[in-house]
Protein backbone atom coordinates (compact mmCIF):
# COMPACT_ATOMS: atom_id res chain seq x y z
CA UNK A 1 0.12 0.36 -0.15
CA UNK A 2 1.47 3.50 -0.96
CA UNK A 3 0.72 5.66 1.69
CA UNK A 4 3.67 8.70 0.66
CA UNK A 5 0.47 10.88 -0.91
CA UNK A 6 -0.84 10.95 2.79
CA UNK A 7 1.89 10.72 5.16
CA UNK A 8 3.39 13.63 6.57
CA UNK A 9 7.13 14.70 8.27
CA UNK A 10 8.45 16.76 10.40
CA UNK A 11 10.21 20.05 9.04
CA UNK A 12 12.81 21.41 11.35
CA UNK A 13 13.46 24.69 10.83
CA UNK A 14 17.48 25.17 11.98
CA UNK A 15 17.78 28.79 11.49
CA UNK A 16 16.53 32.06 10.52
CA UNK A 17 13.77 33.78 12.06
CA UNK A 18 11.75 30.84 13.17
CA UNK A 19 14.99 28.77 13.95
CA UNK A 20 14.02 26.19 16.21
CA UNK A 21 10.51 25.60 15.62
CA UNK A 22 8.92 22.52 13.73
CA UNK A 23 5.66 22.20 11.04
CA UNK A 24 3.91 18.92 9.72
CA UNK A 25 4.44 18.55 5.98
CA UNK A 26 3.13 16.38 3.55
CA UNK A 27 5.51 14.45 1.11
CA UNK A 28 5.13 15.30 -2.31
CA UNK A 29 3.24 12.85 -4.87
CA UNK A 30 6.48 10.84 -5.47
CA UNK A 31 7.10 10.32 -1.66
CA UNK A 32 9.67 12.59 -1.68
CA UNK A 33 10.28 15.11 1.17
CA UNK A 34 9.53 18.98 -0.34
CA UNK A 35 12.60 20.89 -1.81
CA UNK A 36 11.33 24.67 -0.45
CA UNK A 37 8.26 25.46 2.01
CA UNK A 38 6.56 28.56 2.58
CA UNK A 39 4.87 29.79 5.95
CA UNK A 40 2.89 32.30 6.07
CA UNK A 41 3.63 34.99 8.86
CA UNK A 42 1.64 38.34 10.18
CA UNK A 43 1.84 41.49 8.25
CA UNK A 44 1.49 39.50 4.77
CA UNK A 45 5.13 38.14 4.71
CA UNK A 46 6.11 34.38 3.87
CA UNK A 47 9.46 32.61 4.82
CA UNK A 48 10.35 30.74 2.52
CA UNK A 49 12.76 27.48 3.62
CA UNK A 50 14.99 25.22 1.43
CA UNK A 51 15.75 21.51 2.40
CA UNK A 52 19.18 20.80 3.84
CA UNK A 53 21.00 18.01 4.27
CA UNK A 54 19.85 16.43 7.60
CA UNK A 55 17.24 13.60 7.55
CA UNK A 56 15.95 11.45 10.54
CA UNK A 57 14.49 7.81 10.28
CA UNK A 58 12.04 5.74 12.67
CA UNK A 59 14.56 2.81 13.06
CA UNK A 60 16.32 1.32 11.03
CA UNK A 61 13.52 -0.38 8.43
CA UNK A 62 12.13 2.84 7.51
CA UNK A 63 12.39 4.11 3.98
CA UNK A 64 10.30 7.55 4.54
CA UNK A 65 11.98 10.30 7.02
CA UNK A 66 10.16 11.89 10.13
CA UNK A 67 11.92 14.75 9.97
CA UNK A 68 13.91 16.59 7.65
CA UNK A 69 16.22 19.79 8.37
CA UNK A 70 15.02 23.07 6.27
CA UNK A 71 17.37 26.39 5.87
CA UNK A 72 15.93 29.83 5.54
CA UNK A 73 16.50 31.27 1.84
CA UNK A 74 14.62 34.45 1.94
CA UNK A 75 11.50 36.81 3.24
CA UNK A 76 8.84 37.34 0.75
CA UNK A 77 6.28 40.09 1.23
CA UNK A 78 3.06 40.75 -0.76
């Protein structure tokens, strides 16, 4: 059974204005973690984060990561 389209993982924000926070994020339809995420903030801002190298797995036989690191890229103003 393919659960990659409905499964989620934890995005760990390792720097930038949201450093230290985590958010639940859905996998892409391919089962891969998202390469970039955009998070809405107050005042018409969005924070853009890009996937880093860090991956965490739940057990040795897990094929999907449970957590992925993301690094801050930029702030976008609407």
